[in-house]
Amino acid sequence: MPKQICLIDADTPRELRFDVNAFCLMEDLMGKTVNQMDDNPGMKDLRIIFYCGLRWMNKAMKLDEVGEIMDAALEKNTLEELGETLTKAMSQALGQDTEEHPAKKRRGGKKG
């Protein structure tokens, strides 16, 4: 799995990295698999996605800190833009089409 880095403009430019560890932590915290994630995640899920993507830089980072980073990002981006950026980065990290959300793409599915 490629380590997909996603650049987010927040308080400072932040690099979110989605690798196996990030996805496993995401599943643990959300209580669902990546394939079960919704197309329109709620604020809690978005904060968890941010947290998992940022954690590679600072393993001691807390969810409250991530919420503050998200607040700064939302001053510069809409919630929809942030969600689309995260979805694209996660899809690319999973080797999926960037047009499809990870929950929509089934393993081993063939197009055509």
N, C-alpha and C. Protein backbone atom coordinates (compact mmCIF):
# COMPACT_ATOMS: atom_id res chain seq x y z
N MET A 1 0.85 -1.18 0.00
CA MET A 1 0.00 0.00 0.00
C MET A 1 0.90 1.24 0.00
N PRO A 2 0.71 2.14 -0.97
CA PRO A 2 1.51 3.35 -0.98
C PRO A 2 1.09 4.26 0.17
N LYS A 3 2.07 4.97 0.73
CA LYS A 3 1.78 5.93 1.77
C LYS A 3 1.34 7.22 1.10
N GLN A 4 0.06 7.45 1.11
CA GLN A 4 -0.50 8.62 0.45
C GLN A 4 -0.41 9.82 1.39
N ILE A 5 0.19 10.89 0.91
CA ILE A 5 0.28 12.12 1.69
C ILE A 5 -0.69 13.13 1.11
N CYS A 6 -1.43 13.74 2.00
CA CYS A 6 -2.45 14.72 1.63
C CYS A 6 -2.08 16.03 2.31
N LEU A 7 -1.95 17.09 1.55
CA LEU A 7 -1.60 18.40 2.10
C LEU A 7 -2.88 19.18 2.40
N ILE A 8 -3.01 19.63 3.65
CA ILE A 8 -4.16 20.41 4.08
C ILE A 8 -3.67 21.76 4.57
N ASP A 9 -4.30 22.83 4.10
CA ASP A 9 -3.97 24.17 4.55
C ASP A 9 -4.74 24.45 5.83
N ALA A 10 -4.04 24.49 6.96
CA ALA A 10 -4.67 24.73 8.26
C ALA A 10 -3.94 25.88 8.94
N ASP A 11 -3.63 25.76 10.23
CA ASP A 11 -2.86 26.78 10.93
C ASP A 11 -1.50 26.95 10.25
N THR A 12 -0.95 25.84 9.81
CA THR A 12 0.22 25.77 8.94
C THR A 12 -0.11 24.65 7.95
N PRO A 13 0.60 24.57 6.84
CA PRO A 13 0.33 23.44 5.95
C PRO A 13 0.60 22.13 6.69
N ARG A 14 -0.34 21.23 6.64
CA ARG A 14 -0.23 19.95 7.35
C ARG A 14 -0.24 18.82 6.36
N GLU A 15 0.62 17.83 6.60
CA GLU A 15 0.67 16.64 5.77
C GLU A 15 0.01 15.49 6.50
N LEU A 16 -1.05 14.96 5.92
CA LEU A 16 -1.71 13.78 6.46
C LEU A 16 -1.23 12.59 5.65
N ARG A 17 -0.87 11.53 6.33
CA ARG A 17 -0.36 10.34 5.66
C ARG A 17 -1.29 9.17 5.98
N PHE A 18 -1.71 8.49 4.94
CA PHE A 18 -2.59 7.34 5.09
C PHE A 18 -1.84 6.08 4.67
N ASP A 19 -1.48 5.29 5.67
CA ASP A 19 -0.82 4.01 5.43
C ASP A 19 -1.58 2.93 6.20
N VAL A 20 -1.05 1.74 6.25
CA VAL A 20 -1.75 0.64 6.92
C VAL A 20 -2.04 0.99 8.38
N ASN A 21 -1.06 1.54 9.07
CA ASN A 21 -1.27 1.88 10.48
C ASN A 21 -2.37 2.92 10.65
N ALA A 22 -2.41 3.89 9.77
CA ALA A 22 -3.45 4.93 9.85
C ALA A 22 -4.83 4.31 9.64
N PHE A 23 -4.97 3.42 8.66
CA PHE A 23 -6.26 2.79 8.40
C PHE A 23 -6.68 1.86 9.54
N CYS A 24 -5.74 1.13 10.12
CA CYS A 24 -6.07 0.24 11.25
C CYS A 24 -6.53 1.05 12.45
N LEU A 25 -5.85 2.14 12.75
CA LEU A 25 -6.24 2.99 13.86
C LEU A 25 -7.62 3.60 13.59
N MET A 26 -7.84 4.02 12.37
CA MET A 26 -9.13 4.59 11.97
C MET A 26 -10.25 3.58 12.23
N GLU A 27 -10.05 2.35 11.82
CA GLU A 27 -11.06 1.31 12.02
C GLU A 27 -11.30 1.05 13.51
N ASP A 28 -10.22 1.03 14.30
CA ASP A 28 -10.36 0.82 15.75
C ASP A 28 -11.18 1.94 16.39
N LEU A 29 -10.89 3.18 16.03
CA LEU A 29 -11.56 4.33 16.66
C LEU A 29 -13.00 4.51 16.19
N MET A 30 -13.27 4.16 14.94
CA MET A 30 -14.62 4.33 14.40
C MET A 30 -15.51 3.11 14.66
N GLY A 31 -14.89 1.97 14.92
CA GLY A 31 -15.67 0.76 15.14
C GLY A 31 -16.28 0.20 13.87
N LYS A 32 -15.67 0.52 12.74
CA LYS A 32 -16.14 -0.01 11.46
C LYS A 32 -14.95 -0.08 10.51
N THR A 33 -15.09 -0.90 9.48
CA THR A 33 -14.00 -1.02 8.51
C THR A 33 -14.02 0.16 7.55
N VAL A 34 -12.93 0.33 6.86
CA VAL A 34 -12.84 1.40 5.86
C VAL A 34 -13.94 1.25 4.82
N ASN A 35 -14.26 0.01 4.45
CA ASN A 35 -15.30 -0.23 3.46
C ASN A 35 -16.69 0.11 3.96
N GLN A 36 -16.87 0.24 5.26
CA GLN A 36 -18.17 0.56 5.83
C GLN A 36 -18.37 2.06 6.08
N MET A 37 -17.34 2.86 5.78
CA MET A 37 -17.45 4.30 6.02
C MET A 37 -18.47 4.93 5.10
N ASP A 38 -19.16 5.93 5.60
CA ASP A 38 -20.19 6.63 4.85
C ASP A 38 -19.60 7.60 3.85
N ASP A 39 -20.40 7.95 2.84
CA ASP A 39 -20.00 8.97 1.88
C ASP A 39 -19.93 10.35 2.53
N ASN A 40 -20.77 10.59 3.51
CA ASN A 40 -20.83 11.88 4.19
C ASN A 40 -20.54 11.69 5.67
N PRO A 41 -19.26 11.57 6.03
CA PRO A 41 -18.94 11.33 7.43
C PRO A 41 -19.30 12.53 8.30
N GLY A 42 -19.63 12.25 9.55
CA GLY A 42 -19.94 13.30 10.50
C GLY A 42 -18.66 13.94 11.01
N MET A 43 -18.82 14.94 11.84
CA MET A 43 -17.69 15.69 12.36
C MET A 43 -16.75 14.80 13.18
N LYS A 44 -17.30 13.87 13.96
CA LYS A 44 -16.45 12.97 14.75
C LYS A 44 -15.58 12.11 13.85
N ASP A 45 -16.20 11.56 12.80
CA ASP A 45 -15.43 10.71 11.88
C ASP A 45 -14.37 11.52 11.14
N LEU A 46 -14.71 12.73 10.73
CA LEU A 46 -13.70 13.57 10.06
C LEU A 46 -12.53 13.86 10.98
N ARG A 47 -12.82 14.13 12.25
CA ARG A 47 -11.74 14.41 13.20
C ARG A 47 -10.88 13.16 13.38
N ILE A 48 -11.48 11.98 13.42
CA ILE A 48 -10.72 10.74 13.54
C ILE A 48 -9.84 10.54 12.30
N ILE A 49 -10.38 10.81 11.12
CA ILE A 49 -9.60 10.67 9.88
C ILE A 49 -8.40 11.62 9.92
N PHE A 50 -8.64 12.87 10.31
CA PHE A 50 -7.54 13.83 10.45
C PHE A 50 -6.51 13.31 11.45
N TYR A 51 -6.99 12.86 12.60
CA TYR A 51 -6.11 12.36 13.65
C TYR A 51 -5.23 11.23 13.15
N CYS A 52 -5.84 10.27 12.49
CA CYS A 52 -5.08 9.12 11.99
C CYS A 52 -4.08 9.53 10.92
N GLY A 53 -4.44 10.51 10.12
CA GLY A 53 -3.53 10.98 9.08
C GLY A 53 -2.39 11.83 9.62
N LEU A 54 -2.62 12.54 10.71
CA LEU A 54 -1.59 13.40 11.30
C LEU A 54 -0.67 12.66 12.27
N ARG A 55 -1.13 11.56 12.78
CA ARG A 55 -0.43 10.89 13.87
C ARG A 55 0.98 10.42 13.51
N TRP A 56 1.27 10.24 12.24
CA TRP A 56 2.61 9.80 11.84
C TRP A 56 3.67 10.82 12.24
N MET A 57 3.27 12.09 12.33
CA MET A 57 4.22 13.14 12.70
C MET A 57 4.38 13.29 14.21
N ASN A 58 3.31 12.96 14.95
CA ASN A 58 3.32 13.18 16.39
C ASN A 58 2.41 12.15 17.06
N LYS A 59 3.01 11.08 17.53
CA LYS A 59 2.23 9.98 18.14
C LYS A 59 1.53 10.42 19.43
N ALA A 60 1.96 11.52 20.04
CA ALA A 60 1.36 11.99 21.29
C ALA A 60 0.19 12.95 21.05
N MET A 61 -0.09 13.25 19.79
CA MET A 61 -1.17 14.19 19.46
C MET A 61 -2.50 13.68 20.01
N LYS A 62 -3.32 14.61 20.48
CA LYS A 62 -4.63 14.26 21.05
C LYS A 62 -5.74 14.73 20.12
N LEU A 63 -6.90 14.11 20.28
CA LEU A 63 -8.05 14.46 19.43
C LEU A 63 -8.43 15.93 19.57
N ASP A 64 -8.34 16.49 20.78
CA ASP A 64 -8.66 17.91 20.96
C ASP A 64 -7.75 18.81 20.12
N GLU A 65 -6.47 18.45 20.05
CA GLU A 65 -5.53 19.21 19.24
C GLU A 65 -5.90 19.13 17.76
N VAL A 66 -6.32 17.96 17.34
CA VAL A 66 -6.72 17.78 15.95
C VAL A 66 -7.96 18.62 15.65
N GLY A 67 -8.88 18.71 16.60
CA GLY A 67 -10.05 19.57 16.43
C GLY A 67 -9.65 21.02 16.21
N GLU A 68 -8.64 21.49 16.91
CA GLU A 68 -8.15 22.86 16.72
C GLU A 68 -7.53 23.05 15.34
N ILE A 69 -6.82 22.03 14.88
CA ILE A 69 -6.23 22.08 13.53
C ILE A 69 -7.35 22.11 12.49
N MET A 70 -8.39 21.32 12.72
CA MET A 70 -9.54 21.31 11.80
C MET A 70 -10.22 22.67 11.78
N ASP A 71 -10.37 23.30 12.95
CA ASP A 71 -10.96 24.65 13.01
C ASP A 71 -10.18 25.60 12.12
N ALA A 72 -8.86 25.54 12.20
CA ALA A 72 -8.02 26.41 11.37
C ALA A 72 -8.19 26.08 9.89
N ALA A 73 -8.28 24.80 9.57
CA ALA A 73 -8.47 24.38 8.17
C ALA A 73 -9.82 24.86 7.64
N LEU A 74 -10.83 24.85 8.51
CA LEU A 74 -12.18 25.27 8.08
C LEU A 74 -12.28 26.78 7.89
N GLU A 75 -11.32 27.52 8.38
CA GLU A 75 -11.27 28.96 8.10
C GLU A 75 -10.81 29.22 6.67
N LYS A 76 -10.13 28.23 6.07
CA LYS A 76 -9.55 28.39 4.73
C LYS A 76 -10.22 27.51 3.68
N ASN A 77 -10.98 26.52 4.12
CA ASN A 77 -11.63 25.56 3.23
C ASN A 77 -13.04 25.30 3.72
N THR A 78 -13.91 24.87 2.81
CA THR A 78 -15.23 24.45 3.25
C THR A 78 -15.14 23.02 3.78
N LEU A 79 -16.14 22.62 4.53
CA LEU A 79 -16.19 21.25 5.03
C LEU A 79 -16.23 20.26 3.88
N GLU A 80 -16.97 20.61 2.83
CA GLU A 80 -17.06 19.75 1.64
C GLU A 80 -15.69 19.59 0.98
N GLU A 81 -14.94 20.67 0.85
CA GLU A 81 -13.61 20.60 0.24
C GLU A 81 -12.68 19.70 1.05
N LEU A 82 -12.72 19.84 2.37
CA LEU A 82 -11.87 19.00 3.21
C LEU A 82 -12.25 17.53 3.08
N GLY A 83 -13.53 17.26 3.09
CA GLY A 83 -13.99 15.88 2.94
C GLY A 83 -13.56 15.27 1.62
N GLU A 84 -13.68 16.06 0.55
CA GLU A 84 -13.28 15.57 -0.78
C GLU A 84 -11.78 15.30 -0.84
N THR A 85 -10.99 16.18 -0.23
CA THR A 85 -9.54 16.00 -0.21
C THR A 85 -9.16 14.73 0.54
N LEU A 86 -9.79 14.51 1.69
CA LEU A 86 -9.51 13.32 2.48
C LEU A 86 -9.95 12.05 1.76
N THR A 87 -11.12 12.09 1.16
CA THR A 87 -11.63 10.92 0.43
C THR A 87 -10.70 10.56 -0.72
N LYS A 88 -10.25 11.55 -1.44
CA LYS A 88 -9.34 11.31 -2.57
C LYS A 88 -8.03 10.70 -2.09
N ALA A 89 -7.47 11.24 -1.01
CA ALA A 89 -6.20 10.72 -0.49
C ALA A 89 -6.36 9.28 0.01
N MET A 90 -7.45 9.01 0.70
CA MET A 90 -7.69 7.65 1.21
C MET A 90 -7.87 6.68 0.05
N SER A 91 -8.62 7.07 -0.96
CA SER A 91 -8.85 6.20 -2.12
C SER A 91 -7.54 5.90 -2.84
N GLN A 92 -6.71 6.92 -3.00
CA GLN A 92 -5.43 6.71 -3.67
C GLN A 92 -4.53 5.79 -2.84
N ALA A 93 -4.55 5.95 -1.53
CA ALA A 93 -3.73 5.10 -0.66
C ALA A 93 -4.18 3.64 -0.74
N LEU A 94 -5.46 3.43 -0.97
CA LEU A 94 -6.00 2.08 -1.09
C LEU A 94 -5.90 1.55 -2.51
N GLY A 95 -5.34 2.35 -3.42
CA GLY A 95 -5.19 1.92 -4.80
C GLY A 95 -6.49 1.88 -5.56
N GLN A 96 -7.42 2.74 -5.18
CA GLN A 96 -8.74 2.77 -5.81
C GLN A 96 -8.88 4.01 -6.69
N ASP A 97 -9.90 3.98 -7.53
CA ASP A 97 -10.21 5.13 -8.35
C ASP A 97 -10.48 6.32 -7.44
N THR A 98 -9.95 7.47 -7.79
CA THR A 98 -10.16 8.66 -6.96
C THR A 98 -11.57 9.19 -7.07
N GLU A 99 -12.33 8.72 -8.04
CA GLU A 99 -13.71 9.17 -8.20
C GLU A 99 -14.66 8.42 -7.28
N GLU A 100 -14.19 7.28 -6.74
CA GLU A 100 -15.05 6.45 -5.90
C GLU A 100 -14.60 6.50 -4.46
N HIS A 101 -15.54 6.58 -3.55
CA HIS A 101 -15.27 6.51 -2.12
C HIS A 101 -14.87 5.09 -1.78
N PRO A 102 -13.96 4.90 -0.78
CA PRO A 102 -13.56 3.54 -0.42
C PRO A 102 -14.73 2.62 -0.10
N ALA A 103 -15.80 3.15 0.45
CA ALA A 103 -16.95 2.31 0.81
C ALA A 103 -17.71 1.82 -0.42
N LYS A 104 -17.56 2.50 -1.53
CA LYS A 104 -18.30 2.14 -2.73
C LYS A 104 -17.59 1.06 -3.55
N LYS A 105 -16.26 1.01 -3.44
CA LYS A 105 -15.51 0.09 -4.26
C LYS A 105 -15.38 -1.26 -3.56
N ARG A 106 -15.73 -2.31 -4.21
CA ARG A 106 -15.65 -3.64 -3.60
C ARG A 106 -14.36 -4.30 -4.02
N ARG A 107 -13.84 -5.10 -3.13
CA ARG A 107 -12.61 -5.84 -3.43
C ARG A 107 -12.83 -6.78 -4.61
N GLY A 108 -11.84 -6.81 -5.48
CA GLY A 108 -11.88 -7.74 -6.58
C GLY A 108 -12.92 -7.45 -7.63
N GLY A 109 -13.62 -6.34 -7.47
CA GLY A 109 -14.64 -5.98 -8.45
C GLY A 109 -14.04 -5.59 -9.77
N LYS A 110 -14.67 -5.99 -10.84
CA LYS A 110 -14.17 -5.66 -12.17
C LYS A 110 -15.08 -4.65 -12.81
N LYS A 111 -14.46 -3.74 -13.54
CA LYS A 111 -15.26 -2.77 -14.29
C LYS A 111 -15.52 -3.32 -15.66
N GLY A 112 -16.61 -2.88 -16.20
CA GLY A 112 -16.84 -3.22 -17.58
C GLY A 112 -17.98 -4.05 -17.82
